Amino acid sequence: MNGEHQEEDRDWIDYPEDKNSVKVAVKKHGAMTLEEVAKRLGISLVRVSQIEKQALKKLSKRIKL
């Protein structure tokens, strides 16, 4: 798989209304609340919050390198 396909895979979401693309979703809707993200993904608000915290922790570790 080349770099272009990998980038496309990272941007893919299971949301046909936004052409299954994170970039299209952001362009159409801008920033979304955690509640909006939870509804789109069909998971709880608490779970979205947990994922956000994990992602921020990972980013924080990479920035400190």
N, C-alpha and C. Protein backbone atom coordinates (compact mmCIF):
# COMPACT_ATOMS: atom_id res chain seq x y z
N MET A 1 0.85 -1.18 0.00
CA MET A 1 0.00 0.00 0.00
C MET A 1 0.90 1.24 0.00
N ASN A 2 0.65 2.17 -0.93
CA ASN A 2 1.48 3.36 -0.96
C ASN A 2 0.97 4.42 0.01
N GLY A 3 1.73 5.50 0.18
CA GLY A 3 1.38 6.55 1.13
C GLY A 3 0.04 7.19 0.87
N GLU A 4 -0.31 7.33 -0.42
CA GLU A 4 -1.59 7.96 -0.76
C GLU A 4 -2.76 7.15 -0.23
N HIS A 5 -2.72 5.82 -0.41
CA HIS A 5 -3.81 4.98 0.08
C HIS A 5 -3.87 4.97 1.60
N GLN A 6 -2.72 5.00 2.24
CA GLN A 6 -2.71 5.03 3.70
C GLN A 6 -3.38 6.29 4.20
N GLU A 7 -3.10 7.43 3.57
CA GLU A 7 -3.72 8.69 3.97
C GLU A 7 -5.23 8.62 3.79
N GLU A 8 -5.69 8.04 2.67
CA GLU A 8 -7.11 7.90 2.43
C GLU A 8 -7.75 7.03 3.52
N ASP A 9 -7.09 5.96 3.92
CA ASP A 9 -7.63 5.07 4.94
C ASP A 9 -7.75 5.79 6.28
N ARG A 10 -6.81 6.64 6.62
CA ARG A 10 -6.88 7.38 7.89
C ARG A 10 -8.05 8.35 7.91
N ASP A 11 -8.44 8.83 6.75
CA ASP A 11 -9.51 9.82 6.66
C ASP A 11 -10.89 9.17 6.55
N TRP A 12 -10.94 7.84 6.42
CA TRP A 12 -12.21 7.15 6.22
C TRP A 12 -12.99 7.06 7.52
N ILE A 13 -14.30 7.33 7.42
CA ILE A 13 -15.23 7.12 8.53
C ILE A 13 -16.47 6.44 7.97
N ASP A 14 -17.16 5.72 8.78
CA ASP A 14 -18.38 5.05 8.35
C ASP A 14 -19.55 6.03 8.50
N TYR A 15 -19.61 6.97 7.58
CA TYR A 15 -20.67 7.99 7.62
C TYR A 15 -20.95 8.44 6.19
N PRO A 16 -21.79 7.68 5.46
CA PRO A 16 -22.04 7.96 4.04
C PRO A 16 -22.53 9.38 3.75
N GLU A 17 -23.24 9.99 4.68
CA GLU A 17 -23.75 11.35 4.45
C GLU A 17 -22.61 12.35 4.21
N ASP A 18 -21.43 12.04 4.71
CA ASP A 18 -20.26 12.88 4.49
C ASP A 18 -19.24 12.16 3.61
N LYS A 19 -19.74 11.33 2.70
CA LYS A 19 -18.92 10.58 1.75
C LYS A 19 -17.85 9.74 2.43
N ASN A 20 -18.13 9.30 3.66
CA ASN A 20 -17.22 8.46 4.45
C ASN A 20 -15.83 9.11 4.60
N SER A 21 -15.80 10.41 4.70
CA SER A 21 -14.53 11.13 4.77
C SER A 21 -14.50 12.10 5.95
N VAL A 22 -13.46 12.00 6.76
CA VAL A 22 -13.28 12.93 7.86
C VAL A 22 -13.14 14.35 7.32
N LYS A 23 -12.39 14.49 6.23
CA LYS A 23 -12.16 15.83 5.65
C LYS A 23 -13.46 16.47 5.19
N VAL A 24 -14.34 15.69 4.56
CA VAL A 24 -15.63 16.22 4.12
C VAL A 24 -16.47 16.61 5.33
N ALA A 25 -16.47 15.78 6.36
CA ALA A 25 -17.24 16.07 7.57
C ALA A 25 -16.79 17.37 8.21
N VAL A 26 -15.49 17.57 8.31
CA VAL A 26 -14.97 18.80 8.93
C VAL A 26 -15.30 20.01 8.07
N LYS A 27 -15.17 19.86 6.77
CA LYS A 27 -15.47 20.97 5.87
C LYS A 27 -16.94 21.35 5.94
N LYS A 28 -17.83 20.34 6.00
CA LYS A 28 -19.28 20.59 6.04
C LYS A 28 -19.74 21.13 7.39
N HIS A 29 -19.21 20.57 8.48
CA HIS A 29 -19.77 20.83 9.80
C HIS A 29 -18.85 21.61 10.73
N GLY A 30 -17.59 21.73 10.40
CA GLY A 30 -16.64 22.39 11.29
C GLY A 30 -16.42 21.55 12.54
N ALA A 31 -16.01 22.21 13.59
CA ALA A 31 -15.77 21.50 14.85
C ALA A 31 -17.08 20.93 15.39
N MET A 32 -17.01 19.73 15.93
CA MET A 32 -18.20 19.09 16.49
C MET A 32 -17.99 18.84 17.98
N THR A 33 -19.08 18.84 18.70
CA THR A 33 -19.00 18.55 20.13
C THR A 33 -18.78 17.04 20.32
N LEU A 34 -18.36 16.68 21.52
CA LEU A 34 -18.20 15.26 21.82
C LEU A 34 -19.53 14.54 21.68
N GLU A 35 -20.61 15.21 22.04
CA GLU A 35 -21.94 14.60 21.92
C GLU A 35 -22.29 14.33 20.46
N GLU A 36 -21.96 15.26 19.56
CA GLU A 36 -22.22 15.06 18.14
C GLU A 36 -21.40 13.87 17.60
N VAL A 37 -20.16 13.79 18.02
CA VAL A 37 -19.29 12.69 17.60
C VAL A 37 -19.85 11.36 18.11
N ALA A 38 -20.29 11.33 19.36
CA ALA A 38 -20.85 10.11 19.94
C ALA A 38 -22.07 9.63 19.15
N LYS A 39 -22.96 10.55 18.79
CA LYS A 39 -24.15 10.18 18.02
C LYS A 39 -23.76 9.62 16.65
N ARG A 40 -22.78 10.25 16.00
CA ARG A 40 -22.34 9.79 14.68
C ARG A 40 -21.76 8.38 14.75
N LEU A 41 -20.98 8.12 15.80
CA LEU A 41 -20.30 6.83 15.92
C LEU A 41 -21.16 5.76 16.58
N GLY A 42 -22.26 6.18 17.19
CA GLY A 42 -23.13 5.23 17.86
C GLY A 42 -22.53 4.69 19.15
N ILE A 43 -21.75 5.54 19.82
CA ILE A 43 -21.15 5.15 21.10
C ILE A 43 -21.50 6.22 22.14
N SER A 44 -21.19 5.93 23.39
CA SER A 44 -21.56 6.86 24.45
C SER A 44 -20.66 8.08 24.48
N LEU A 45 -21.18 9.13 25.04
CA LEU A 45 -20.41 10.36 25.23
C LEU A 45 -19.20 10.09 26.12
N VAL A 46 -19.39 9.27 27.13
CA VAL A 46 -18.29 8.92 28.03
C VAL A 46 -17.17 8.22 27.26
N ARG A 47 -17.53 7.32 26.36
CA ARG A 47 -16.50 6.61 25.58
C ARG A 47 -15.74 7.56 24.66
N VAL A 48 -16.45 8.49 24.04
CA VAL A 48 -15.78 9.48 23.19
C VAL A 48 -14.81 10.30 24.02
N SER A 49 -15.22 10.67 25.22
CA SER A 49 -14.36 11.43 26.12
C SER A 49 -13.11 10.63 26.49
N GLN A 50 -13.29 9.34 26.75
CA GLN A 50 -12.15 8.47 27.07
C GLN A 50 -11.16 8.41 25.91
N ILE A 51 -11.69 8.27 24.70
CA ILE A 51 -10.84 8.21 23.51
C ILE A 51 -10.10 9.53 23.32
N GLU A 52 -10.79 10.63 23.53
CA GLU A 52 -10.16 11.95 23.41
C GLU A 52 -9.00 12.08 24.40
N LYS A 53 -9.23 11.68 25.64
CA LYS A 53 -8.18 11.78 26.66
C LYS A 53 -6.98 10.92 26.30
N GLN A 54 -7.23 9.71 25.79
CA GLN A 54 -6.13 8.83 25.38
C GLN A 54 -5.34 9.46 24.24
N ALA A 55 -6.03 10.04 23.28
CA ALA A 55 -5.36 10.67 22.13
C ALA A 55 -4.52 11.85 22.58
N LEU A 56 -5.06 12.68 23.46
CA LEU A 56 -4.31 13.83 23.96
C LEU A 56 -3.07 13.40 24.74
N LYS A 57 -3.20 12.30 25.49
CA LYS A 57 -2.06 11.79 26.24
C LYS A 57 -0.96 11.34 25.30
N LYS A 58 -1.33 10.62 24.22
CA LYS A 58 -0.37 10.17 23.23
C LYS A 58 0.32 11.34 22.56
N LEU A 59 -0.48 12.35 22.19
CA LEU A 59 0.10 13.54 21.54
C LEU A 59 1.05 14.26 22.46
N SER A 60 0.68 14.34 23.73
CA SER A 60 1.52 15.01 24.71
C SER A 60 2.88 14.31 24.83
N LYS A 61 2.87 12.98 24.84
CA LYS A 61 4.11 12.22 24.91
C LYS A 61 4.98 12.45 23.68
N ARG A 62 4.37 12.52 22.50
CA ARG A 62 5.14 12.72 21.27
C ARG A 62 5.74 14.12 21.22
N ILE A 63 5.04 15.09 21.72
CA ILE A 63 5.52 16.47 21.71
C ILE A 63 6.74 16.61 22.62
N LYS A 64 6.76 15.88 23.72
CA LYS A 64 7.85 15.97 24.69
C LYS A 64 9.13 15.29 24.22
N LEU A 65 9.05 14.51 23.12
CA LEU A 65 10.25 13.80 22.63
C LEU A 65 11.27 14.75 22.19
